[in-house]
Amino acid sequence: MTSFKKFIIVVAATCLVAVFWEYAERCSTLFAPRWIVHWFSGGDLNDTLTDIFAGMLGSVAFWFTNKIFKK
C-alpha cells in the first residue's frame, strides 16, 4: 500500500471518529440526564465544525510526526 493511501486512511478514520463523537454529543444533549449533559454539552455549528477540523488537523500532525520519527 502506498504512503498516500495510508495517509488517506488515517485522515478518513479520524474524520469518521470525529463525526460519530459529534453525533453522540448531540444525542447526549437530547436524551441524557442533566448530570451527563454537563460533560457532553453539544455546541452550535461553529463548535461542531471546529471539533471536526481539529480532528483532521490532529490526524495530519500525527501522520507527519510519525513519518519524521519513524526509523
PDB file of N, CA and C in Angstrom:
ATOM      1  N   MET A   1       0.846  -1.177   0.000  1.00  0.00           N
ATOM      2  CA  MET A   1       0.000   0.000   0.000  1.00  0.00           C
ATOM      3  C   MET A   1       0.893   1.241   0.000  1.00  0.00           C
ATOM      4  N   THR A   2       0.538   2.185  -0.824  1.00  0.00           N
ATOM      5  CA  THR A   2       1.355   3.387  -0.938  1.00  0.00           C
ATOM      6  C   THR A   2       1.184   4.283   0.279  1.00  0.00           C
ATOM      7  N   SER A   3       2.122   5.178   0.424  1.00  0.00           N
ATOM      8  CA  SER A   3       2.106   6.106   1.552  1.00  0.00           C
ATOM      9  C   SER A   3       0.891   7.030   1.482  1.00  0.00           C
ATOM     10  N   PHE A   4       0.509   7.428   0.283  1.00  0.00           N
ATOM     11  CA  PHE A   4      -0.651   8.309   0.130  1.00  0.00           C
ATOM     12  C   PHE A   4      -1.938   7.611   0.554  1.00  0.00           C
ATOM     13  N   LYS A   5      -2.078   6.336   0.212  1.00  0.00           N
ATOM     14  CA  LYS A   5      -3.270   5.589   0.611  1.00  0.00           C
ATOM     15  C   LYS A   5      -3.342   5.442   2.129  1.00  0.00           C
ATOM     16  N   LYS A   6      -2.203   5.222   2.765  1.00  0.00           N
ATOM     17  CA  LYS A   6      -2.175   5.141   4.227  1.00  0.00           C
ATOM     18  C   LYS A   6      -2.569   6.472   4.847  1.00  0.00           C
ATOM     19  N   PHE A   7      -2.094   7.557   4.252  1.00  0.00           N
ATOM     20  CA  PHE A   7      -2.452   8.894   4.735  1.00  0.00           C
ATOM     21  C   PHE A   7      -3.955   9.123   4.648  1.00  0.00           C
ATOM     22  N   ILE A   8      -4.547   8.765   3.534  1.00  0.00           N
ATOM     23  CA  ILE A   8      -5.991   8.936   3.341  1.00  0.00           C
ATOM     24  C   ILE A   8      -6.762   8.084   4.341  1.00  0.00           C
ATOM     25  N   ILE A   9      -6.312   6.872   4.602  1.00  0.00           N
ATOM     26  CA  ILE A   9      -6.995   6.001   5.558  1.00  0.00           C
ATOM     27  C   ILE A   9      -6.943   6.589   6.964  1.00  0.00           C
ATOM     28  N   VAL A  10      -5.789   7.116   7.362  1.00  0.00           N
ATOM     29  CA  VAL A  10      -5.655   7.716   8.696  1.00  0.00           C
ATOM     30  C   VAL A  10      -6.564   8.928   8.843  1.00  0.00           C
ATOM     31  N   VAL A  11      -6.566   9.802   7.858  1.00  0.00           N
ATOM     32  CA  VAL A  11      -7.396  11.010   7.927  1.00  0.00           C
ATOM     33  C   VAL A  11      -8.883  10.652   7.879  1.00  0.00           C
ATOM     34  N   ALA A  12      -9.251   9.713   7.025  1.00  0.00           N
ATOM     35  CA  ALA A  12     -10.659   9.321   6.918  1.00  0.00           C
ATOM     36  C   ALA A  12     -11.150   8.648   8.195  1.00  0.00           C
ATOM     37  N   ALA A  13     -10.329   7.806   8.789  1.00  0.00           N
ATOM     38  CA  ALA A  13     -10.723   7.151  10.042  1.00  0.00           C
ATOM     39  C   ALA A  13     -10.886   8.180  11.154  1.00  0.00           C
ATOM     40  N   THR A  14     -10.002   9.155  11.204  1.00  0.00           N
ATOM     41  CA  THR A  14     -10.119  10.204  12.213  1.00  0.00           C
ATOM     42  C   THR A  14     -11.373  11.040  11.999  1.00  0.00           C
ATOM     43  N   CYS A  15     -11.684  11.362  10.767  1.00  0.00           N
ATOM     44  CA  CYS A  15     -12.906  12.121  10.469  1.00  0.00           C
ATOM     45  C   CYS A  15     -14.150  11.321  10.844  1.00  0.00           C
ATOM     46  N   LEU A  16     -14.123  10.033  10.601  1.00  0.00           N
ATOM     47  CA  LEU A  16     -15.259   9.186  10.965  1.00  0.00           C
ATOM     48  C   LEU A  16     -15.464   9.176  12.473  1.00  0.00           C
ATOM     49  N   VAL A  17     -14.392   9.053  13.220  1.00  0.00           N
ATOM     50  CA  VAL A  17     -14.491   9.081  14.681  1.00  0.00           C
ATOM     51  C   VAL A  17     -14.999  10.445  15.153  1.00  0.00           C
ATOM     52  N   ALA A  18     -14.513  11.514  14.540  1.00  0.00           N
ATOM     53  CA  ALA A  18     -14.949  12.863  14.927  1.00  0.00           C
ATOM     54  C   ALA A  18     -16.439  13.067  14.658  1.00  0.00           C
ATOM     55  N   VAL A  19     -16.918  12.564  13.543  1.00  0.00           N
ATOM     56  CA  VAL A  19     -18.346  12.709  13.219  1.00  0.00           C
ATOM     57  C   VAL A  19     -19.195  11.889  14.188  1.00  0.00           C
ATOM     58  N   PHE A  20     -18.776  10.660  14.493  1.00  0.00           N
ATOM     59  CA  PHE A  20     -19.518   9.858  15.470  1.00  0.00           C
ATOM     60  C   PHE A  20     -19.506  10.513  16.849  1.00  0.00           C
ATOM     61  N   TRP A  21     -18.383  11.123  17.219  1.00  0.00           N
ATOM     62  CA  TRP A  21     -18.311  11.816  18.509  1.00  0.00           C
ATOM     63  C   TRP A  21     -19.292  12.978  18.541  1.00  0.00           C
ATOM     64  N   GLU A  22     -19.350  13.748  17.489  1.00  0.00           N
ATOM     65  CA  GLU A  22     -20.288  14.874  17.441  1.00  0.00           C
ATOM     66  C   GLU A  22     -21.737  14.387  17.463  1.00  0.00           C
ATOM     67  N   TYR A  23     -22.001  13.286  16.790  1.00  0.00           N
ATOM     68  CA  TYR A  23     -23.345  12.705  16.822  1.00  0.00           C
ATOM     69  C   TYR A  23     -23.700  12.254  18.236  1.00  0.00           C
ATOM     70  N   ALA A  24     -22.781  11.610  18.920  1.00  0.00           N
ATOM     71  CA  ALA A  24     -23.018  11.181  20.300  1.00  0.00           C
ATOM     72  C   ALA A  24     -23.190  12.378  21.218  1.00  0.00           C
ATOM     73  N   GLU A  25     -22.431  13.427  20.984  1.00  0.00           N
ATOM     74  CA  GLU A  25     -22.547  14.643  21.777  1.00  0.00           C
ATOM     75  C   GLU A  25     -23.936  15.264  21.601  1.00  0.00           C
ATOM     76  N   ARG A  26     -24.419  15.291  20.381  1.00  0.00           N
ATOM     77  CA  ARG A  26     -25.750  15.846  20.116  1.00  0.00           C
ATOM     78  C   ARG A  26     -26.846  14.986  20.746  1.00  0.00           C
ATOM     79  N   CYS A  27     -26.727  13.663  20.598  1.00  0.00           N
ATOM     80  CA  CYS A  27     -27.726  12.773  21.193  1.00  0.00           C
ATOM     81  C   CYS A  27     -27.727  12.871  22.718  1.00  0.00           C
ATOM     82  N   SER A  28     -26.556  13.079  23.299  1.00  0.00           N
ATOM     83  CA  SER A  28     -26.498  13.182  24.754  1.00  0.00           C
ATOM     84  C   SER A  28     -27.190  14.447  25.244  1.00  0.00           C
ATOM     85  N   THR A  29     -27.139  15.528  24.457  1.00  0.00           N
ATOM     86  CA  THR A  29     -27.831  16.742  24.880  1.00  0.00           C
ATOM     87  C   THR A  29     -29.343  16.585  24.759  1.00  0.00           C
ATOM     88  N   LEU A  30     -29.798  15.690  23.884  1.00  0.00           N
ATOM     89  CA  LEU A  30     -31.238  15.500  23.704  1.00  0.00           C
ATOM     90  C   LEU A  30     -31.829  14.481  24.672  1.00  0.00           C
ATOM     91  N   PHE A  31     -31.096  13.397  24.948  1.00  0.00           N
ATOM     92  CA  PHE A  31     -31.691  12.264  25.654  1.00  0.00           C
ATOM     93  C   PHE A  31     -31.060  11.922  26.995  1.00  0.00           C
ATOM     94  N   ALA A  32     -29.921  12.463  27.323  1.00  0.00           N
ATOM     95  CA  ALA A  32     -29.207  12.058  28.531  1.00  0.00           C
ATOM     96  C   ALA A  32     -29.699  12.830  29.756  1.00  0.00           C
ATOM     97  N   PRO A  33     -29.448  12.286  30.941  1.00  0.00           N
ATOM     98  CA  PRO A  33     -29.758  13.031  32.175  1.00  0.00           C
ATOM     99  C   PRO A  33     -28.899  14.292  32.275  1.00  0.00           C
ATOM    100  N   ARG A  34     -29.328  15.211  33.097  1.00  0.00           N
ATOM    101  CA  ARG A  34     -28.662  16.507  33.202  1.00  0.00           C
ATOM    102  C   ARG A  34     -27.215  16.407  33.670  1.00  0.00           C
ATOM    103  N   TRP A  35     -26.886  15.460  34.527  1.00  0.00           N
ATOM    104  CA  TRP A  35     -25.511  15.377  35.036  1.00  0.00           C
ATOM    105  C   TRP A  35     -24.543  14.910  33.953  1.00  0.00           C
ATOM    106  N   ILE A  36     -25.026  14.226  32.939  1.00  0.00           N
ATOM    107  CA  ILE A  36     -24.165  13.834  31.825  1.00  0.00           C
ATOM    108  C   ILE A  36     -24.058  14.967  30.813  1.00  0.00           C
ATOM    109  N   VAL A  37     -25.116  15.722  30.650  1.00  0.00           N
ATOM    110  CA  VAL A  37     -25.131  16.822  29.682  1.00  0.00           C
ATOM    111  C   VAL A  37     -24.043  17.840  30.021  1.00  0.00           C
ATOM    112  N   HIS A  38     -23.740  17.978  31.312  1.00  0.00           N
ATOM    113  CA  HIS A  38     -22.670  18.899  31.719  1.00  0.00           C
ATOM    114  C   HIS A  38     -21.338  18.514  31.074  1.00  0.00           C
ATOM    115  N   TRP A  39     -21.072  17.237  30.940  1.00  0.00           N
ATOM    116  CA  TRP A  39     -19.792  16.765  30.385  1.00  0.00           C
ATOM    117  C   TRP A  39     -19.814  16.667  28.864  1.00  0.00           C
ATOM    118  N   PHE A  40     -20.970  16.471  28.275  1.00  0.00           N
ATOM    119  CA  PHE A  40     -21.092  16.331  26.826  1.00  0.00           C
ATOM    120  C   PHE A  40     -22.001  17.411  26.263  1.00  0.00           C
ATOM    121  N   SER A  41     -21.691  18.636  26.550  1.00  0.00           N
ATOM    122  CA  SER A  41     -22.568  19.705  26.078  1.00  0.00           C
ATOM    123  C   SER A  41     -22.266  20.009  24.620  1.00  0.00           C
ATOM    124  N   GLY A  42     -23.218  19.686  23.767  1.00  0.00           N
ATOM    125  CA  GLY A  42     -23.050  19.963  22.346  1.00  0.00           C
ATOM    126  C   GLY A  42     -23.219  21.443  22.070  1.00  0.00           C
ATOM    127  N   GLY A  43     -22.331  21.982  21.283  1.00  0.00           N
ATOM    128  CA  GLY A  43     -22.387  23.403  20.971  1.00  0.00           C
ATOM    129  C   GLY A  43     -23.162  23.667  19.700  1.00  0.00           C
ATOM    130  N   ASP A  44     -22.883  24.795  19.131  1.00  0.00           N
ATOM    131  CA  ASP A  44     -23.544  25.180  17.895  1.00  0.00           C
ATOM    132  C   ASP A  44     -22.762  24.638  16.698  1.00  0.00           C
ATOM    133  N   LEU A  45     -23.109  25.089  15.521  1.00  0.00           N
ATOM    134  CA  LEU A  45     -22.461  24.610  14.308  1.00  0.00           C
ATOM    135  C   LEU A  45     -20.970  24.948  14.281  1.00  0.00           C
ATOM    136  N   ASN A  46     -20.617  26.132  14.759  1.00  0.00           N
ATOM    137  CA  ASN A  46     -19.204  26.509  14.784  1.00  0.00           C
ATOM    138  C   ASN A  46     -18.394  25.571  15.670  1.00  0.00           C
ATOM    139  N   ASP A  47     -18.947  25.175  16.807  1.00  0.00           N
ATOM    140  CA  ASP A  47     -18.265  24.238  17.702  1.00  0.00           C
ATOM    141  C   ASP A  47     -18.078  22.889  17.023  1.00  0.00           C
ATOM    142  N   THR A  48     -19.104  22.418  16.352  1.00  0.00           N
ATOM    143  CA  THR A  48     -19.029  21.121  15.669  1.00  0.00           C
ATOM    144  C   THR A  48     -17.990  21.139  14.567  1.00  0.00           C
ATOM    145  N   LEU A  49     -18.021  22.169  13.730  1.00  0.00           N
ATOM    146  CA  LEU A  49     -17.057  22.246  12.635  1.00  0.00           C
ATOM    147  C   LEU A  49     -15.629  22.432  13.149  1.00  0.00           C
ATOM    148  N   THR A  50     -15.467  23.191  14.223  1.00  0.00           N
ATOM    149  CA  THR A  50     -14.144  23.370  14.816  1.00  0.00           C
ATOM    150  C   THR A  50     -13.617  22.055  15.367  1.00  0.00           C
ATOM    151  N   ASP A  51     -14.469  21.277  16.029  1.00  0.00           N
ATOM    152  CA  ASP A  51     -14.039  19.988  16.565  1.00  0.00           C
ATOM    153  C   ASP A  51     -13.634  19.025  15.453  1.00  0.00           C
ATOM    154  N   ILE A  52     -14.404  18.983  14.389  1.00  0.00           N
ATOM    155  CA  ILE A  52     -14.073  18.090  13.277  1.00  0.00           C
ATOM    156  C   ILE A  52     -12.788  18.554  12.584  1.00  0.00           C
ATOM    157  N   PHE A  53     -12.623  19.852  12.399  1.00  0.00           N
ATOM    158  CA  PHE A  53     -11.399  20.373  11.797  1.00  0.00           C
ATOM    159  C   PHE A  53     -10.190  20.091  12.680  1.00  0.00           C
ATOM    160  N   ALA A  54     -10.359  20.217  14.000  1.00  0.00           N
ATOM    161  CA  ALA A  54      -9.258  19.916  14.915  1.00  0.00           C
ATOM    162  C   ALA A  54      -8.876  18.441  14.833  1.00  0.00           C
ATOM    163  N   GLY A  55      -9.859  17.569  14.676  1.00  0.00           N
ATOM    164  CA  GLY A  55      -9.559  16.154  14.497  1.00  0.00           C
ATOM    165  C   GLY A  55      -8.785  15.895  13.221  1.00  0.00           C
ATOM    166  N   MET A  56      -9.179  16.543  12.143  1.00  0.00           N
ATOM    167  CA  MET A  56      -8.472  16.384  10.875  1.00  0.00           C
ATOM    168  C   MET A  56      -7.047  16.923  10.974  1.00  0.00           C
ATOM    169  N   LEU A  57      -6.901  18.078  11.589  1.00  0.00           N
ATOM    170  CA  LEU A  57      -5.574  18.667  11.751  1.00  0.00           C
ATOM    171  C   LEU A  57      -4.697  17.792  12.641  1.00  0.00           C
ATOM    172  N   GLY A  58      -5.276  17.219  13.676  1.00  0.00           N
ATOM    173  CA  GLY A  58      -4.532  16.316  14.540  1.00  0.00           C
ATOM    174  C   GLY A  58      -4.083  15.061  13.824  1.00  0.00           C
ATOM    175  N   SER A  59      -4.928  14.540  12.948  1.00  0.00           N
ATOM    176  CA  SER A  59      -4.532  13.338  12.205  1.00  0.00           C
ATOM    177  C   SER A  59      -3.404  13.642  11.230  1.00  0.00           C
ATOM    178  N   VAL A  60      -3.435  14.811  10.616  1.00  0.00           N
ATOM    179  CA  VAL A  60      -2.354  15.198   9.708  1.00  0.00           C
ATOM    180  C   VAL A  60      -1.061  15.405  10.500  1.00  0.00           C
ATOM    181  N   ALA A  61      -1.155  16.044  11.661  1.00  0.00           N
ATOM    182  CA  ALA A  61       0.029  16.233  12.506  1.00  0.00           C
ATOM    183  C   ALA A  61       0.584  14.888  12.971  1.00  0.00           C
ATOM    184  N   PHE A  62      -0.299  13.964  13.332  1.00  0.00           N
ATOM    185  CA  PHE A  62       0.141  12.623  13.718  1.00  0.00           C
ATOM    186  C   PHE A  62       0.855  11.940  12.568  1.00  0.00           C
ATOM    187  N   TRP A  63       0.297  12.055  11.385  1.00  0.00           N
ATOM    188  CA  TRP A  63       0.890  11.391  10.219  1.00  0.00           C
ATOM    189  C   TRP A  63       2.302  11.923   9.954  1.00  0.00           C
ATOM    190  N   PHE A  64       2.460  13.245   9.966  1.00  0.00           N
ATOM    191  CA  PHE A  64       3.768  13.815   9.655  1.00  0.00           C
ATOM    192  C   PHE A  64       4.784  13.551  10.754  1.00  0.00           C
ATOM    193  N   THR A  65       4.394  13.617  12.014  1.00  0.00           N
ATOM    194  CA  THR A  65       5.355  13.298  13.076  1.00  0.00           C
ATOM    195  C   THR A  65       5.729  11.818  13.044  1.00  0.00           C
ATOM    196  N   ASN A  66       4.779  10.972  12.678  1.00  0.00           N
ATOM    197  CA  ASN A  66       5.089   9.560  12.538  1.00  0.00           C
ATOM    198  C   ASN A  66       6.070   9.326  11.391  1.00  0.00           C
ATOM    199  N   LYS A  67       5.897  10.053  10.293  1.00  0.00           N
ATOM    200  CA  LYS A  67       6.808   9.919   9.151  1.00  0.00           C
ATOM    201  C   LYS A  67       8.206  10.441   9.507  1.00  0.00           C
ATOM    202  N   ILE A  68       8.282  11.513  10.289  1.00  0.00           N
ATOM    203  CA  ILE A  68       9.573  12.109  10.636  1.00  0.00           C
ATOM    204  C   ILE A  68      10.354  11.205  11.588  1.00  0.00           C
ATOM    205  N   PHE A  69       9.678  10.685  12.627  1.00  0.00           N
ATOM    206  CA  PHE A  69      10.382   9.939  13.652  1.00  0.00           C
ATOM    207  C   PHE A  69      10.390   8.436  13.431  1.00  0.00           C
ATOM    208  N   LYS A  70       9.848   8.001  12.305  1.00  0.00           N
ATOM    209  CA  LYS A  70       9.851   6.568  12.013  1.00  0.00           C
ATOM    210  C   LYS A  70      11.261   6.133  11.620  1.00  0.00           C
ATOM    211  N   LYS A  71      11.646   5.006  12.125  1.00  0.00           N
ATOM    212  CA  LYS A  71      13.007   4.507  11.856  1.00  0.00           C
ATOM    213  C   LYS A  71      13.109   3.846  10.524  1.00  0.00           C
TER     214      LYS A  71
END
